[in-house]
Amino acid sequence: MKSTRTAANALDGAFLETRGKILEVAANLDRVAQSSEPSAVSSDRRMTQLAAALAILTDNQPEKAKRCQMAFSLPYDATWHDRFQRS
């Protein structure tokens, strides 16, 4: 269901908070890049997930929150329950 709120109202209400969060992400990525061994995490799954989420934020597709959540989620495994059942 679409909101009756205008796009301008939504932007007005969230701009400063969103701007702050983006700056926080940028600062965190700067700290990683400026660390003593930034290449040590270049293939880290978490960096890959962050890059995927950032790409989602800049595309023109809908459901950004859902797709970002999925970028941080493990694929569905129909057998997970069997692995954790008690004998």
Protein backbone atom coordinates (compact mmCIF):
# COMPACT_ATOMS: atom_id res chain seq x y z
CA MET A 1 0.00 0.00 0.00
CA LYS A 2 1.38 3.36 -1.02
CA SER A 3 1.73 6.10 1.56
CA THR A 4 -0.26 9.31 1.29
CA ARG A 5 2.87 11.13 2.42
CA THR A 6 4.58 13.11 -0.32
CA ALA A 7 8.13 12.33 -1.41
CA ALA A 8 9.20 15.80 -0.31
CA ASN A 9 7.74 15.23 3.17
CA ALA A 10 9.47 11.87 3.45
CA LEU A 11 12.79 13.43 2.42
CA ASP A 12 12.31 16.38 4.78
CA GLY A 13 11.65 14.06 7.70
CA ALA A 14 14.58 11.74 7.12
CA PHE A 15 17.30 13.75 5.41
CA LEU A 16 19.46 14.74 8.38
CA GLU A 17 19.29 11.30 10.03
CA THR A 18 20.05 9.55 6.74
CA ARG A 19 22.90 11.94 5.98
CA GLY A 20 24.41 11.20 9.39
CA LYS A 21 24.18 7.45 8.86
CA ILE A 22 25.84 7.70 5.45
CA LEU A 23 28.68 9.75 6.96
CA GLU A 24 29.05 7.13 9.69
CA VAL A 25 29.33 4.35 7.09
CA ALA A 26 31.88 6.38 5.15
CA ALA A 27 33.94 6.95 8.30
CA ASN A 28 33.87 3.24 9.16
CA LEU A 29 35.03 2.31 5.65
CA ASP A 30 37.78 4.96 5.90
CA ARG A 31 38.99 3.38 9.16
CA VAL A 32 39.21 -0.02 7.47
CA ALA A 33 41.01 1.46 4.44
CA GLN A 34 43.46 3.38 6.63
CA SER A 35 44.27 0.43 8.89
CA SER A 36 47.61 -1.34 8.86
CA GLU A 37 46.42 -4.15 6.58
CA PRO A 38 43.32 -3.09 4.60
CA SER A 39 43.92 -5.75 1.94
CA ALA A 40 43.52 -8.45 4.60
CA VAL A 41 39.74 -7.91 4.52
CA SER A 42 39.30 -7.26 0.80
CA SER A 43 37.87 -10.75 0.28
CA ASP A 44 36.11 -10.90 3.65
CA ARG A 45 32.46 -11.92 3.31
CA ARG A 46 31.39 -8.90 5.36
CA MET A 47 33.09 -6.46 3.00
CA THR A 48 31.38 -8.20 0.09
CA GLN A 49 28.04 -7.86 1.87
CA LEU A 50 28.65 -4.17 2.57
CA ALA A 51 29.57 -3.55 -1.07
CA ALA A 52 26.42 -5.36 -2.23
CA ALA A 53 24.23 -3.31 0.12
CA LEU A 54 25.84 -0.05 -0.99
CA ALA A 55 25.20 -0.98 -4.63
CA ILE A 56 21.54 -1.61 -3.80
CA LEU A 57 21.28 1.83 -2.20
CA THR A 58 22.38 3.52 -5.41
CA ASP A 59 20.31 1.55 -7.93
CA ASN A 60 16.88 2.60 -9.15
CA GLN A 61 15.06 -0.55 -8.04
CA PRO A 62 12.35 -0.75 -5.36
CA GLU A 63 12.43 -2.50 -1.97
CA LYS A 64 15.91 -1.34 -0.98
CA ALA A 65 15.48 -2.29 2.69
CA LYS A 66 14.36 -5.82 1.84
CA ARG A 67 17.15 -6.32 -0.69
CA CYS A 68 19.79 -4.92 1.69
CA GLN A 69 18.57 -7.30 4.41
CA MET A 70 18.92 -10.17 1.95
CA ALA A 71 22.48 -9.07 1.13
CA PHE A 72 23.33 -9.74 4.79
CA SER A 73 21.37 -12.99 5.02
CA LEU A 74 22.40 -16.56 4.41
CA PRO A 75 20.64 -18.41 1.60
CA TYR A 76 17.67 -20.51 2.65
CA ASP A 77 18.58 -24.08 3.58
CA ALA A 78 15.61 -26.43 3.71
CA THR A 79 17.63 -28.97 5.70
CA TRP A 80 18.72 -26.68 8.55
CA HIS A 81 16.22 -28.18 10.98
CA ASP A 82 17.52 -31.71 10.37
CA ARG A 83 21.04 -30.66 11.31
CA PHE A 84 19.93 -29.33 14.68
CA GLN A 85 17.53 -32.06 15.78
CA ARG A 86 18.56 -34.05 18.83
CA SER A 87 19.27 -37.72 18.35
